[in-house]
């Protein structure tokens, strides 16, 4: 189904077996007027889609979203050479493409882009992309396990890429078999405007494995080199509670925080005690992340006394923080604490907030 509205955003589902169905003809007929295009298609037919007569002129296109309805790593690049969106869509500022087709398969109007969500193949091409995409504000990169070897390099850059406008960087690792990817990426980056950093690793670690090594010195060097002030920090990849405490000391400005301490079922007493207002666990005897307003906790432990104390102290705004810096939102993943723990926590918060529960 294809729908178009002024100023002509369009949504379509394109399948290999019916490439020439009426929806394609409709899109081709209004291509020059489309401002926002949202397509669901199969990987193997993506290049053919953009070769349809009349679909080669997307002069008004500002945002493009491509979602793949069928994906297999064995056919991820079938039929794809390079799609020249720089020529097809010269006004494009926002692009979101699934990881099956990566940066090397797309020619983009890089200097115009402000938002991107793209698969990347190697650190060198990503660094070049950042150098050229000078107006980029939000960037999400997806690194598939098939390309992870190209990111696991110990060779440092001659100089980091300094990007003056990038405010949000999200790095997604899809089924990576190695934990060195972030260690390789960060030395290439200098991001003074960064406010929001997100690291998502979709690899599932076996419980018998040792804690994955987190490149804490490299991460702290990156923050120091950039001189950025983070307000949102989401790291979803098995750091130890000691690592989390060490980097939180350096980030008093964080307002929105995700913690996922490793091991998954281990009770992180030190971390929760450190997050408790009034514990004075930060520099110079001050509290850690005193401005925290949004907290997400991932884990699988069942004893939750320290966690509840930390959350309750933030709801009450005890300690060094002002009345305006109370915790506003808490999210606990489904494996955390069990029903009894979550039930106790929810009841306590409801009582404290007088009908304004955080869950």
Protein backbone atom coordinates (compact mmCIF):
# COMPACT_ATOMS: atom_id res chain seq x y z
CA UNK A 1 0.00 0.00 0.00
CA UNK A 2 1.28 3.46 -0.89
CA UNK A 3 -0.07 6.65 0.66
CA UNK A 4 0.86 10.22 -0.22
CA UNK A 5 -0.04 13.44 1.56
CA UNK A 6 1.05 17.05 1.22
CA UNK A 7 3.97 17.67 1.21
CA UNK A 8 3.99 14.13 -0.18
CA UNK A 9 5.47 11.77 2.35
CA UNK A 10 5.12 8.26 0.93
CA UNK A 11 5.05 4.76 2.41
CA UNK A 12 5.34 1.59 0.35
CA UNK A 13 5.95 -2.14 0.42
CA UNK A 14 7.93 -3.40 -2.59
CA UNK A 15 8.43 -7.14 -3.07
CA UNK A 16 10.62 -8.98 -5.57
CA UNK A 17 7.80 -10.95 -7.15
CA UNK A 18 5.73 -7.86 -7.94
CA UNK A 19 8.26 -5.21 -8.76
CA UNK A 20 6.09 -3.64 -11.44
CA UNK A 21 2.85 -3.53 -9.53
CA UNK A 22 0.84 -0.25 -9.55
CA UNK A 23 2.44 1.15 -6.39
CA UNK A 24 5.80 1.39 -8.17
CA UNK A 25 4.22 3.31 -11.01
CA UNK A 26 2.53 5.66 -8.56
CA UNK A 27 5.82 6.37 -6.79
CA UNK A 28 7.61 6.92 -10.07
CA UNK A 29 4.93 9.36 -11.18
CA UNK A 30 5.26 11.59 -8.11
CA UNK A 31 8.96 10.97 -7.41
CA UNK A 32 10.05 14.56 -8.03
CA UNK A 33 7.56 15.82 -5.40
CA UNK A 34 8.20 13.31 -2.59
CA UNK A 35 9.72 14.88 0.53
CA UNK A 36 9.70 11.86 2.86
CA UNK A 37 9.92 8.28 1.61
CA UNK A 38 9.48 5.13 3.72
CA UNK A 39 10.02 1.82 1.88
CA UNK A 40 9.87 -1.83 2.91
CA UNK A 41 11.55 -4.03 0.32
CA UNK A 42 13.79 -7.03 -0.21
CA UNK A 43 17.54 -6.53 -0.39
CA UNK A 44 18.00 -8.03 -3.83
CA UNK A 45 15.53 -5.62 -5.45
CA UNK A 46 16.67 -2.37 -3.90
CA UNK A 47 18.94 -1.29 -6.77
CA UNK A 48 16.28 -2.23 -9.33
CA UNK A 49 13.75 -0.13 -7.45
CA UNK A 50 15.81 3.00 -7.94
CA UNK A 51 16.29 2.21 -11.62
CA UNK A 52 12.57 2.31 -12.40
CA UNK A 53 11.84 4.88 -15.12
CA UNK A 54 10.97 8.18 -13.50
CA UNK A 55 12.21 7.09 -10.07
CA UNK A 56 15.66 8.48 -10.73
CA UNK A 57 14.69 12.06 -9.88
CA UNK A 58 13.96 12.63 -6.19
CA UNK A 59 14.73 16.33 -6.17
CA UNK A 60 12.49 17.15 -3.19
CA UNK A 61 13.44 14.17 -1.03
CA UNK A 62 14.57 15.14 2.48
CA UNK A 63 14.29 11.87 4.42
CA UNK A 64 14.58 8.25 3.31
CA UNK A 65 13.90 5.13 5.37
CA UNK A 66 14.55 1.67 3.92
CA UNK A 67 13.57 -1.45 5.87
CA UNK A 68 14.24 -4.95 4.56
CA UNK A 69 11.43 -7.48 4.77
CA UNK A 70 13.72 -10.46 4.11
CA UNK A 71 17.33 -10.65 5.19
CA UNK A 72 19.94 -13.38 5.13
CA UNK A 73 23.68 -12.69 5.55
CA UNK A 74 24.35 -15.00 2.59
CA UNK A 75 22.49 -12.72 0.18
CA UNK A 76 23.01 -9.36 1.83
CA UNK A 77 24.65 -7.71 -1.20
CA UNK A 78 22.91 -9.63 -3.98
CA UNK A 79 22.07 -7.25 -6.81
CA UNK A 80 23.59 -4.25 -5.04
CA UNK A 81 26.54 -2.41 -6.54
CA UNK A 82 26.17 1.25 -5.64
CA UNK A 83 23.12 3.48 -5.38
CA UNK A 84 23.83 7.10 -6.24
CA UNK A 85 21.59 9.01 -3.85
CA UNK A 86 23.87 12.01 -4.18
CA UNK A 87 22.53 12.45 -7.71
CA UNK A 88 19.06 10.96 -7.18
CA UNK A 89 18.29 12.91 -3.99
CA UNK A 90 20.56 15.97 -3.71
CA UNK A 91 18.48 17.52 -0.88
CA UNK A 92 18.53 14.43 1.35
CA UNK A 93 19.28 15.32 4.99
CA UNK A 94 18.01 12.25 6.89
CA UNK A 95 18.70 8.62 5.92
CA UNK A 96 17.85 5.39 7.75
CA UNK A 97 18.92 2.12 6.10
CA UNK A 98 19.12 -1.37 7.60
CA UNK A 99 22.61 -2.85 7.96
CA UNK A 100 22.28 -5.25 5.01
CA UNK A 101 23.33 -2.47 2.63
CA UNK A 102 26.26 -0.54 4.02
CA UNK A 103 27.94 2.81 3.51
CA UNK A 104 30.15 1.51 0.69
CA UNK A 105 27.04 0.73 -1.39
CA UNK A 106 25.59 4.24 -1.08
CA UNK A 107 26.73 7.47 -2.70
CA UNK A 108 25.25 10.16 -0.46
CA UNK A 109 24.99 13.97 -0.46
CA UNK A 110 27.24 13.87 2.60
CA UNK A 111 27.62 17.59 3.20
CA UNK A 112 23.83 17.96 3.52
CA UNK A 113 23.17 15.07 5.92
CA UNK A 114 22.17 15.93 9.48
CA UNK A 115 20.84 12.50 10.57
CA UNK A 116 22.02 9.03 9.52
CA UNK A 117 21.40 5.41 10.50
CA UNK A 118 23.75 3.26 8.40
CA UNK A 119 25.68 0.03 8.29
CA UNK A 120 29.43 0.56 7.98
CA UNK A 121 32.11 -1.80 6.69
CA UNK A 122 35.39 -0.56 8.14
CA UNK A 123 36.83 2.21 10.27
CA UNK A 124 38.58 3.99 7.40
CA UNK A 125 35.42 4.51 5.33
CA UNK A 126 33.52 5.61 8.44
CA UNK A 127 36.22 8.17 9.30
CA UNK A 128 36.11 9.55 5.75
CA UNK A 129 32.32 9.75 5.94
CA UNK A 130 32.55 11.82 9.14
CA UNK A 131 35.10 14.15 7.58
CA UNK A 132 32.78 14.87 4.67
CA UNK A 133 29.43 14.92 6.54
CA UNK A 134 30.25 18.23 8.21
CA UNK A 135 26.65 19.06 9.18
CA UNK A 136 25.86 15.73 10.81
CA UNK A 137 24.12 16.05 14.19
CA UNK A 138 22.88 12.50 14.87
CA UNK A 139 24.69 9.35 13.75
CA UNK A 140 23.88 5.67 14.31
CA UNK A 141 26.25 3.10 12.85
CA UNK A 142 25.60 -0.64 12.66
CA UNK A 143 28.51 -3.07 12.50
CA UNK A 144 27.54 -6.58 11.45
CA UNK A 145 29.58 -9.56 12.60
CA UNK A 146 30.59 -10.25 8.98
CA UNK A 147 32.50 -6.94 8.99
CA UNK A 148 33.80 -6.94 12.58
CA UNK A 149 37.34 -7.97 11.59
CA UNK A 150 37.71 -4.71 9.66
CA UNK A 151 37.12 -2.77 12.88
CA UNK A 152 39.36 -4.81 15.17
CA UNK A 153 42.60 -3.02 14.35
CA UNK A 154 45.34 -1.96 16.74
CA UNK A 155 46.76 0.56 14.24
CA UNK A 156 46.01 4.07 15.58
CA UNK A 157 45.04 6.92 13.25
CA UNK A 158 47.57 9.62 12.42
CA UNK A 159 45.09 12.11 13.86
CA UNK A 160 41.50 11.72 15.09
CA UNK A 161 38.61 13.03 13.01
CA UNK A 162 37.34 16.19 14.68
CA UNK A 163 33.64 16.76 14.03
CA UNK A 164 32.28 20.02 15.39
CA UNK A 165 28.52 19.44 15.13
CA UNK A 166 27.88 15.77 16.02
CA UNK A 167 25.73 15.66 19.17
CA UNK A 168 24.52 12.06 19.21
CA UNK A 169 26.55 8.93 18.41
CA UNK A 170 25.04 5.46 18.65
CA UNK A 171 27.12 2.35 17.86
CA UNK A 172 25.31 -0.94 17.40
CA UNK A 173 27.28 -4.16 17.25
CA UNK A 174 25.23 -6.91 15.59
CA UNK A 175 26.34 -10.39 16.75
CA UNK A 176 29.97 -9.38 17.07
CA UNK A 177 32.37 -12.20 17.88
CA UNK A 178 35.02 -9.93 19.36
CA UNK A 179 34.89 -7.21 22.00
CA UNK A 180 37.65 -5.03 20.51
CA UNK A 181 35.45 -3.03 18.14
CA UNK A 182 34.97 -0.02 20.41
CA UNK A 183 38.68 -0.07 21.27
CA UNK A 184 39.40 0.43 17.56
CA UNK A 185 36.77 3.10 16.85
CA UNK A 186 37.24 5.60 19.68
CA UNK A 187 40.87 6.63 18.92
CA UNK A 188 39.62 7.88 15.54
CA UNK A 189 37.10 10.29 17.04
CA UNK A 190 37.19 13.82 18.48
CA UNK A 191 33.63 15.02 19.11
CA UNK A 192 33.46 18.27 21.11
CA UNK A 193 29.70 18.75 20.63
CA UNK A 194 28.76 15.22 21.74
CA UNK A 195 25.92 15.12 24.27
CA UNK A 196 24.52 11.62 23.75
CA UNK A 197 26.56 8.41 23.53
CA UNK A 198 25.03 4.97 23.09
CA UNK A 199 26.81 1.61 22.80
CA UNK A 200 24.64 -1.43 22.10
CA UNK A 201 26.25 -4.87 21.73
CA UNK A 202 23.78 -7.54 20.60
CA UNK A 203 26.23 -10.35 21.24
CA UNK A 204 24.96 -12.66 23.97
CA UNK A 205 27.69 -13.71 26.39
CA UNK A 206 27.48 -17.13 28.01
CA UNK A 207 27.19 -16.97 31.79
CA UNK A 208 30.34 -19.06 32.22
CA UNK A 209 32.44 -16.56 30.27
CA UNK A 210 34.60 -14.01 32.08
CA UNK A 211 33.47 -10.41 31.96
CA UNK A 212 34.17 -8.89 28.52
CA UNK A 213 37.03 -6.43 28.64
CA UNK A 214 35.85 -2.84 28.48
CA UNK A 215 38.39 -0.33 27.10
CA UNK A 216 37.93 2.12 29.95
CA UNK A 217 41.21 4.08 29.49
CA UNK A 218 40.48 4.50 25.77
CA UNK A 219 36.92 5.60 26.54
CA UNK A 220 38.10 8.16 29.09
CA UNK A 221 40.82 9.39 26.71
CA UNK A 222 38.14 9.89 24.05
CA UNK A 223 36.02 11.97 26.44
CA UNK A 224 39.02 14.02 27.56
CA UNK A 225 40.22 14.62 23.99
CA UNK A 226 36.75 15.67 22.86
CA UNK A 227 36.09 17.89 25.85
CA UNK A 228 32.41 17.02 25.51
CA UNK A 229 29.72 17.20 28.19
CA UNK A 230 27.52 14.12 28.09
CA UNK A 231 23.91 14.32 29.23
CA UNK A 232 22.84 10.86 28.02
CA UNK A 233 24.97 7.73 28.40
CA UNK A 234 23.66 4.29 27.48
CA UNK A 235 26.15 1.42 27.56
CA UNK A 236 24.51 -1.98 27.14
CA UNK A 237 27.42 -4.38 27.08
CA UNK A 238 28.48 -6.10 30.27
CA UNK A 239 30.78 -3.68 32.07
CA UNK A 240 31.72 -4.58 35.62
CA UNK A 241 30.31 -2.40 38.36
CA UNK A 242 33.83 -1.15 39.08
CA UNK A 243 34.18 0.08 35.48
CA UNK A 244 30.82 1.83 35.64
CA UNK A 245 31.73 3.59 38.88
CA UNK A 246 35.06 4.71 37.42
CA UNK A 247 33.56 6.40 34.39
CA UNK A 248 30.62 7.92 36.29
CA UNK A 249 33.11 9.81 38.43
CA UNK A 250 34.08 11.71 35.26
CA UNK A 251 30.50 12.50 34.18
CA UNK A 252 28.59 14.64 36.69
CA UNK A 253 26.51 16.12 33.86
CA UNK A 254 24.71 12.87 32.94
CA UNK A 255 20.92 13.17 33.12
CA UNK A 256 19.88 9.95 31.34
CA UNK A 257 21.76 6.74 32.24
CA UNK A 258 21.60 3.05 31.31
CA UNK A 259 23.66 0.62 33.40
CA UNK A 260 24.04 -3.08 32.63
CA UNK A 261 26.62 -4.46 35.08
CA UNK A 262 28.39 -7.76 34.43
CA UNK A 263 27.94 -10.51 35.49
CA UNK A 264 24.27 -10.43 34.58
CA UNK A 265 23.11 -12.33 37.68
CA UNK A 266 25.61 -10.76 40.06
CA UNK A 267 24.25 -8.41 42.70
CA UNK A 268 26.04 -5.05 42.11
CA UNK A 269 26.12 -3.77 45.68
CA UNK A 270 28.97 -1.30 45.11
CA UNK A 271 27.32 0.23 42.07
CA UNK A 272 23.94 0.69 43.72
CA UNK A 273 25.52 2.09 46.86
CA UNK A 274 27.51 4.48 44.67
CA UNK A 275 24.32 5.62 42.94
CA UNK A 276 22.59 6.29 46.26
CA UNK A 277 22.30 9.99 46.98
CA UNK A 278 23.88 10.83 50.29
CA UNK A 279 26.60 8.19 49.90
CA UNK A 280 29.11 10.85 48.76
CA UNK A 281 30.78 8.41 46.38
CA UNK A 282 31.88 11.00 43.84
CA UNK A 283 34.89 13.32 43.65
CA UNK A 284 35.59 15.45 46.72
CA UNK A 285 32.98 13.56 48.69
CA UNK A 286 30.12 14.62 46.44
CA UNK A 287 27.43 12.35 45.03
CA UNK A 288 27.79 10.63 41.67
CA UNK A 289 25.69 11.93 38.74
CA UNK A 290 23.77 14.41 40.93
CA UNK A 291 21.68 15.62 37.97
CA UNK A 292 20.30 12.17 37.09
CA UNK A 293 16.63 12.22 36.03
CA UNK A 294 16.21 9.07 33.90
CA UNK A 295 17.62 5.68 34.88
CA UNK A 296 17.45 2.29 33.14
CA UNK A 297 18.85 -0.82 34.85
CA UNK A 298 19.52 -4.15 33.11
CA UNK A 299 20.34 -7.28 35.08
CA UNK A 300 19.09 -10.57 36.45
CA UNK A 301 19.75 -10.47 40.19
CA UNK A 302 16.96 -11.01 42.73
CA UNK A 303 18.18 -9.35 45.92
CA UNK A 304 17.28 -5.73 45.37
CA UNK A 305 17.71 -3.90 48.68
CA UNK A 306 20.60 -1.69 47.51
CA UNK A 307 18.88 -0.98 44.20
CA UNK A 308 15.70 0.12 45.95
CA UNK A 309 17.66 2.32 48.33
CA UNK A 310 19.43 4.00 45.40
CA UNK A 311 16.18 4.63 43.53
CA UNK A 312 14.31 5.85 46.60
CA UNK A 313 17.10 8.28 47.46
CA UNK A 314 16.88 9.70 43.94
CA UNK A 315 13.10 10.03 44.09
CA UNK A 316 13.34 11.87 47.40
CA UNK A 317 16.35 13.88 46.13
CA UNK A 318 18.42 13.27 49.26
CA UNK A 319 22.07 14.22 49.48
CA UNK A 320 23.77 17.10 47.69
CA UNK A 321 21.28 17.55 44.88
CA UNK A 322 18.71 20.33 44.70
CA UNK A 323 14.95 19.88 44.87
CA UNK A 324 14.73 20.22 41.09
CA UNK A 325 16.93 17.18 40.39
CA UNK A 326 14.69 14.33 41.41
CA UNK A 327 14.60 11.08 39.47
CA UNK A 328 11.71 11.28 37.01
CA UNK A 329 11.77 7.90 35.24
CA UNK A 330 13.03 4.42 36.06
CA UNK A 331 12.96 1.37 33.76
CA UNK A 332 13.91 -2.14 34.92
CA UNK A 333 14.35 -4.95 32.40
CA UNK A 334 12.05 -7.95 32.71
CA UNK A 335 14.67 -10.29 34.21
CA UNK A 336 15.54 -8.04 37.11
CA UNK A 337 14.56 -8.71 40.68
CA UNK A 338 11.60 -11.01 40.17
CA UNK A 339 7.99 -10.08 40.79
CA UNK A 340 8.41 -9.67 44.53
CA UNK A 341 11.29 -7.22 44.19
CA UNK A 342 9.63 -5.14 41.50
CA UNK A 343 6.36 -5.19 43.40
CA UNK A 344 8.02 -3.91 46.57
CA UNK A 345 9.80 -1.21 44.61
CA UNK A 346 6.66 -0.09 42.78
CA UNK A 347 4.68 0.12 46.01
CA UNK A 348 7.39 2.13 47.73
CA UNK A 349 7.64 4.60 44.89
CA UNK A 350 3.89 5.03 44.67
CA UNK A 351 3.79 5.85 48.35
CA UNK A 352 6.63 8.35 48.02
CA UNK A 353 5.29 10.09 44.95
CA UNK A 354 1.63 10.12 46.07
CA UNK A 355 0.06 8.65 42.97
CA UNK A 356 2.88 9.43 40.54
CA UNK A 357 4.63 6.05 40.15
CA UNK A 358 7.77 5.83 38.09
CA UNK A 359 6.79 2.42 36.68
